[in-house]
Amino acid sequence: MNGRTTLLATAELLGWWAALAVLWLVFISTVDTLELAVGAGAACLGALAARAARRAVTGR
């Protein structure tokens, strides 16, 4: 991986993470520290899965 590829992969993961974290915050009723931590972790796993699925489909 070169620098540009790494930057694009990081940007993609951050984009997915941000979108999924915002979606999590929309769906929960109370916002406390534990909910934020669980949401951030779930969004991270979802972002990794979304990137892996996209790479599997496009072959890149």
PDB file of N, CA and C in Angstrom:
ATOM      1  N   MET A   1       0.841  -1.183   0.000  1.00  0.00           N
ATOM      2  CA  MET A   1       0.000   0.000   0.000  1.00  0.00           C
ATOM      3  C   MET A   1       0.884   1.243   0.000  1.00  0.00           C
ATOM      4  N   ASN A   2       0.576   2.156  -0.869  1.00  0.00           N
ATOM      5  CA  ASN A   2       1.326   3.401  -0.854  1.00  0.00           C
ATOM      6  C   ASN A   2       0.577   4.442  -0.008  1.00  0.00           C
ATOM      7  N   GLY A   3       1.146   5.626   0.105  1.00  0.00           N
ATOM      8  CA  GLY A   3       0.556   6.652   0.959  1.00  0.00           C
ATOM      9  C   GLY A   3      -0.835   7.076   0.528  1.00  0.00           C
ATOM     10  N   ARG A   4      -1.055   7.185  -0.786  1.00  0.00           N
ATOM     11  CA  ARG A   4      -2.357   7.626  -1.289  1.00  0.00           C
ATOM     12  C   ARG A   4      -3.428   6.577  -1.004  1.00  0.00           C
ATOM     13  N   THR A   5      -3.095   5.307  -1.195  1.00  0.00           N
ATOM     14  CA  THR A   5      -4.038   4.226  -0.942  1.00  0.00           C
ATOM     15  C   THR A   5      -4.403   4.159   0.538  1.00  0.00           C
ATOM     16  N   THR A   6      -3.413   4.341   1.384  1.00  0.00           N
ATOM     17  CA  THR A   6      -3.662   4.331   2.825  1.00  0.00           C
ATOM     18  C   THR A   6      -4.569   5.485   3.227  1.00  0.00           C
ATOM     19  N   LEU A   7      -4.327   6.648   2.659  1.00  0.00           N
ATOM     20  CA  LEU A   7      -5.155   7.819   2.960  1.00  0.00           C
ATOM     21  C   LEU A   7      -6.598   7.605   2.501  1.00  0.00           C
ATOM     22  N   LEU A   8      -6.782   7.032   1.312  1.00  0.00           N
ATOM     23  CA  LEU A   8      -8.136   6.770   0.813  1.00  0.00           C
ATOM     24  C   LEU A   8      -8.854   5.722   1.669  1.00  0.00           C
ATOM     25  N   ALA A   9      -8.144   4.689   2.080  1.00  0.00           N
ATOM     26  CA  ALA A   9      -8.750   3.659   2.927  1.00  0.00           C
ATOM     27  C   ALA A   9      -9.152   4.239   4.281  1.00  0.00           C
ATOM     28  N   THR A  10      -8.298   5.080   4.844  1.00  0.00           N
ATOM     29  CA  THR A  10      -8.609   5.718   6.124  1.00  0.00           C
ATOM     30  C   THR A  10      -9.813   6.647   5.997  1.00  0.00           C
ATOM     31  N   ALA A  11      -9.860   7.398   4.913  1.00  0.00           N
ATOM     32  CA  ALA A  11     -10.995   8.303   4.687  1.00  0.00           C
ATOM     33  C   ALA A  11     -12.290   7.523   4.520  1.00  0.00           C
ATOM     34  N   GLU A  12     -12.226   6.402   3.822  1.00  0.00           N
ATOM     35  CA  GLU A  12     -13.421   5.579   3.646  1.00  0.00           C
ATOM     36  C   GLU A  12     -13.903   5.026   4.985  1.00  0.00           C
ATOM     37  N   LEU A  13     -12.973   4.513   5.781  1.00  0.00           N
ATOM     38  CA  LEU A  13     -13.351   3.985   7.090  1.00  0.00           C
ATOM     39  C   LEU A  13     -13.933   5.072   7.989  1.00  0.00           C
ATOM     40  N   LEU A  14     -13.319   6.247   7.989  1.00  0.00           N
ATOM     41  CA  LEU A  14     -13.843   7.346   8.810  1.00  0.00           C
ATOM     42  C   LEU A  14     -15.218   7.789   8.332  1.00  0.00           C
ATOM     43  N   GLY A  15     -15.437   7.803   7.045  1.00  0.00           N
ATOM     44  CA  GLY A  15     -16.751   8.163   6.507  1.00  0.00           C
ATOM     45  C   GLY A  15     -17.826   7.181   6.930  1.00  0.00           C
ATOM     46  N   TRP A  16     -17.530   5.895   6.781  1.00  0.00           N
ATOM     47  CA  TRP A  16     -18.483   4.876   7.223  1.00  0.00           C
ATOM     48  C   TRP A  16     -18.715   4.959   8.727  1.00  0.00           C
ATOM     49  N   TRP A  17     -17.621   5.127   9.479  1.00  0.00           N
ATOM     50  CA  TRP A  17     -17.755   5.196  10.933  1.00  0.00           C
ATOM     51  C   TRP A  17     -18.640   6.374  11.346  1.00  0.00           C
ATOM     52  N   ALA A  18     -18.407   7.533  10.761  1.00  0.00           N
ATOM     53  CA  ALA A  18     -19.188   8.723  11.108  1.00  0.00           C
ATOM     54  C   ALA A  18     -20.665   8.520  10.781  1.00  0.00           C
ATOM     55  N   ALA A  19     -20.949   7.974   9.606  1.00  0.00           N
ATOM     56  CA  ALA A  19     -22.340   7.758   9.213  1.00  0.00           C
ATOM     57  C   ALA A  19     -23.035   6.772  10.147  1.00  0.00           C
ATOM     58  N   LEU A  20     -22.351   5.688  10.478  1.00  0.00           N
ATOM     59  CA  LEU A  20     -22.959   4.684  11.353  1.00  0.00           C
ATOM     60  C   LEU A  20     -23.079   5.182  12.793  1.00  0.00           C
ATOM     61  N   ALA A  21     -22.129   5.979  13.252  1.00  0.00           N
ATOM     62  CA  ALA A  21     -22.214   6.534  14.607  1.00  0.00           C
ATOM     63  C   ALA A  21     -23.380   7.517  14.722  1.00  0.00           C
ATOM     64  N   VAL A  22     -23.574   8.343  13.699  1.00  0.00           N
ATOM     65  CA  VAL A  22     -24.704   9.276  13.707  1.00  0.00           C
ATOM     66  C   VAL A  22     -26.020   8.503  13.679  1.00  0.00           C
ATOM     67  N   LEU A  23     -26.087   7.443  12.876  1.00  0.00           N
ATOM     68  CA  LEU A  23     -27.289   6.616  12.830  1.00  0.00           C
ATOM     69  C   LEU A  23     -27.578   6.000  14.196  1.00  0.00           C
ATOM     70  N   TRP A  24     -26.537   5.544  14.876  1.00  0.00           N
ATOM     71  CA  TRP A  24     -26.703   4.983  16.222  1.00  0.00           C
ATOM     72  C   TRP A  24     -27.273   6.039  17.168  1.00  0.00           C
ATOM     73  N   LEU A  25     -26.736   7.247  17.114  1.00  0.00           N
ATOM     74  CA  LEU A  25     -27.205   8.312  17.997  1.00  0.00           C
ATOM     75  C   LEU A  25     -28.646   8.696  17.709  1.00  0.00           C
ATOM     76  N   VAL A  26     -29.077   8.584  16.466  1.00  0.00           N
ATOM     77  CA  VAL A  26     -30.461   8.894  16.125  1.00  0.00           C
ATOM     78  C   VAL A  26     -31.408   7.868  16.745  1.00  0.00           C
ATOM     79  N   PHE A  27     -30.992   6.615  16.795  1.00  0.00           N
ATOM     80  CA  PHE A  27     -31.868   5.553  17.255  1.00  0.00           C
ATOM     81  C   PHE A  27     -31.911   5.352  18.766  1.00  0.00           C
ATOM     82  N   ILE A  28     -30.924   5.828  19.515  1.00  0.00           N
ATOM     83  CA  ILE A  28     -30.959   5.612  20.962  1.00  0.00           C
ATOM     84  C   ILE A  28     -31.767   6.710  21.628  1.00  0.00           C
ATOM     85  N   SER A  29     -32.311   6.400  22.785  1.00  0.00           N
ATOM     86  CA  SER A  29     -33.163   7.375  23.463  1.00  0.00           C
ATOM     87  C   SER A  29     -32.393   8.204  24.483  1.00  0.00           C
ATOM     88  N   THR A  30     -31.415   7.608  25.152  1.00  0.00           N
ATOM     89  CA  THR A  30     -30.628   8.355  26.128  1.00  0.00           C
ATOM     90  C   THR A  30     -29.160   8.321  25.714  1.00  0.00           C
ATOM     91  N   VAL A  31     -28.505   9.438  25.891  1.00  0.00           N
ATOM     92  CA  VAL A  31     -27.098   9.519  25.521  1.00  0.00           C
ATOM     93  C   VAL A  31     -26.274   9.604  26.802  1.00  0.00           C
ATOM     94  N   ASP A  32     -25.586   8.515  27.118  1.00  0.00           N
ATOM     95  CA  ASP A  32     -24.661   8.532  28.241  1.00  0.00           C
ATOM     96  C   ASP A  32     -23.339   7.917  27.778  1.00  0.00           C
ATOM     97  N   THR A  33     -22.392   7.848  28.653  1.00  0.00           N
ATOM     98  CA  THR A  33     -21.047   7.423  28.278  1.00  0.00           C
ATOM     99  C   THR A  33     -21.025   5.992  27.748  1.00  0.00           C
ATOM    100  N   LEU A  34     -21.735   5.102  28.394  1.00  0.00           N
ATOM    101  CA  LEU A  34     -21.746   3.708  27.953  1.00  0.00           C
ATOM    102  C   LEU A  34     -22.368   3.578  26.566  1.00  0.00           C
ATOM    103  N   GLU A  35     -23.466   4.273  26.331  1.00  0.00           N
ATOM    104  CA  GLU A  35     -24.102   4.230  25.016  1.00  0.00           C
ATOM    105  C   GLU A  35     -23.176   4.766  23.923  1.00  0.00           C
ATOM    106  N   LEU A  36     -22.447   5.832  24.235  1.00  0.00           N
ATOM    107  CA  LEU A  36     -21.504   6.376  23.262  1.00  0.00           C
ATOM    108  C   LEU A  36     -20.385   5.396  22.960  1.00  0.00           C
ATOM    109  N   ALA A  37     -19.879   4.719  23.988  1.00  0.00           N
ATOM    110  CA  ALA A  37     -18.798   3.747  23.794  1.00  0.00           C
ATOM    111  C   ALA A  37     -19.278   2.553  22.977  1.00  0.00           C
ATOM    112  N   VAL A  38     -20.452   2.042  23.291  1.00  0.00           N
ATOM    113  CA  VAL A  38     -20.995   0.909  22.541  1.00  0.00           C
ATOM    114  C   VAL A  38     -21.273   1.321  21.095  1.00  0.00           C
ATOM    115  N   GLY A  39     -21.828   2.505  20.908  1.00  0.00           N
ATOM    116  CA  GLY A  39     -22.109   2.991  19.562  1.00  0.00           C
ATOM    117  C   GLY A  39     -20.847   3.174  18.736  1.00  0.00           C
ATOM    118  N   ALA A  40     -19.804   3.710  19.351  1.00  0.00           N
ATOM    119  CA  ALA A  40     -18.543   3.901  18.638  1.00  0.00           C
ATOM    120  C   ALA A  40     -17.941   2.557  18.241  1.00  0.00           C
ATOM    121  N   GLY A  41     -18.008   1.581  19.136  1.00  0.00           N
ATOM    122  CA  GLY A  41     -17.488   0.246  18.826  1.00  0.00           C
ATOM    123  C   GLY A  41     -18.282  -0.447  17.734  1.00  0.00           C
ATOM    124  N   ALA A  42     -19.597  -0.353  17.820  1.00  0.00           N
ATOM    125  CA  ALA A  42     -20.448  -0.969  16.798  1.00  0.00           C
ATOM    126  C   ALA A  42     -20.248  -0.295  15.442  1.00  0.00           C
ATOM    127  N   ALA A  43     -20.098   1.021  15.450  1.00  0.00           N
ATOM    128  CA  ALA A  43     -19.855   1.750  14.201  1.00  0.00           C
ATOM    129  C   ALA A  43     -18.504   1.365  13.600  1.00  0.00           C
ATOM    130  N   CYS A  44     -17.519   1.136  14.443  1.00  0.00           N
ATOM    131  CA  CYS A  44     -16.199   0.716  13.959  1.00  0.00           C
ATOM    132  C   CYS A  44     -16.276  -0.658  13.292  1.00  0.00           C
ATOM    133  N   LEU A  45     -16.963  -1.586  13.916  1.00  0.00           N
ATOM    134  CA  LEU A  45     -17.123  -2.914  13.322  1.00  0.00           C
ATOM    135  C   LEU A  45     -17.919  -2.844  12.022  1.00  0.00           C
ATOM    136  N   GLY A  46     -18.954  -2.016  12.008  1.00  0.00           N
ATOM    137  CA  GLY A  46     -19.749  -1.846  10.798  1.00  0.00           C
ATOM    138  C   GLY A  46     -18.948  -1.224   9.665  1.00  0.00           C
ATOM    139  N   ALA A  47     -18.090  -0.256   9.993  1.00  0.00           N
ATOM    140  CA  ALA A  47     -17.252   0.389   8.980  1.00  0.00           C
ATOM    141  C   ALA A  47     -16.264  -0.608   8.384  1.00  0.00           C
ATOM    142  N   LEU A  48     -15.672  -1.433   9.226  1.00  0.00           N
ATOM    143  CA  LEU A  48     -14.749  -2.460   8.725  1.00  0.00           C
ATOM    144  C   LEU A  48     -15.476  -3.461   7.831  1.00  0.00           C
ATOM    145  N   ALA A  49     -16.679  -3.852   8.222  1.00  0.00           N
ATOM    146  CA  ALA A  49     -17.461  -4.790   7.419  1.00  0.00           C
ATOM    147  C   ALA A  49     -17.876  -4.166   6.086  1.00  0.00           C
ATOM    148  N   ALA A  50     -18.261  -2.896   6.098  1.00  0.00           N
ATOM    149  CA  ALA A  50     -18.665  -2.219   4.867  1.00  0.00           C
ATOM    150  C   ALA A  50     -17.490  -2.106   3.901  1.00  0.00           C
ATOM    151  N   ARG A  51     -16.325  -1.782   4.411  1.00  0.00           N
ATOM    152  CA  ARG A  51     -15.139  -1.684   3.547  1.00  0.00           C
ATOM    153  C   ARG A  51     -14.766  -3.052   2.991  1.00  0.00           C
ATOM    154  N   ALA A  52     -14.817  -4.073   3.823  1.00  0.00           N
ATOM    155  CA  ALA A  52     -14.497  -5.423   3.356  1.00  0.00           C
ATOM    156  C   ALA A  52     -15.496  -5.889   2.303  1.00  0.00           C
ATOM    157  N   ALA A  53     -16.766  -5.583   2.487  1.00  0.00           N
ATOM    158  CA  ALA A  53     -17.788  -5.972   1.508  1.00  0.00           C
ATOM    159  C   ALA A  53     -17.577  -5.237   0.186  1.00  0.00           C
ATOM    160  N   ARG A  54     -17.243  -3.953   0.247  1.00  0.00           N
ATOM    161  CA  ARG A  54     -17.011  -3.206  -0.981  1.00  0.00           C
ATOM    162  C   ARG A  54     -15.794  -3.747  -1.725  1.00  0.00           C
ATOM    163  N   ARG A  55     -14.744  -4.066  -0.988  1.00  0.00           N
ATOM    164  CA  ARG A  55     -13.540  -4.612  -1.619  1.00  0.00           C
ATOM    165  C   ARG A  55     -13.821  -5.991  -2.228  1.00  0.00           C
ATOM    166  N   ALA A  56     -14.678  -6.786  -1.578  1.00  0.00           N
ATOM    167  CA  ALA A  56     -15.006  -8.109  -2.106  1.00  0.00           C
ATOM    168  C   ALA A  56     -15.804  -7.992  -3.411  1.00  0.00           C
ATOM    169  N   VAL A  57     -16.660  -7.005  -3.499  1.00  0.00           N
ATOM    170  CA  VAL A  57     -17.483  -6.836  -4.693  1.00  0.00           C
ATOM    171  C   VAL A  57     -16.679  -6.248  -5.840  1.00  0.00           C
ATOM    172  N   THR A  58     -15.864  -5.230  -5.557  1.00  0.00           N
ATOM    173  CA  THR A  58     -15.138  -4.568  -6.632  1.00  0.00           C
ATOM    174  C   THR A  58     -13.819  -5.277  -6.968  1.00  0.00           C
ATOM    175  N   GLY A  59     -13.308  -6.086  -6.086  1.00  0.00           N
ATOM    176  CA  GLY A  59     -12.070  -6.797  -6.344  1.00  0.00           C
ATOM    177  C   GLY A  59     -10.820  -5.957  -6.184  1.00  0.00           C
ATOM    178  N   ARG A  60     -10.944  -4.785  -5.529  1.00  0.00           N
ATOM    179  CA  ARG A  60      -9.769  -3.924  -5.315  1.00  0.00           C
ATOM    180  C   ARG A  60      -9.444  -3.865  -3.854  1.00  0.00           C
TER     181      ARG A  60
END
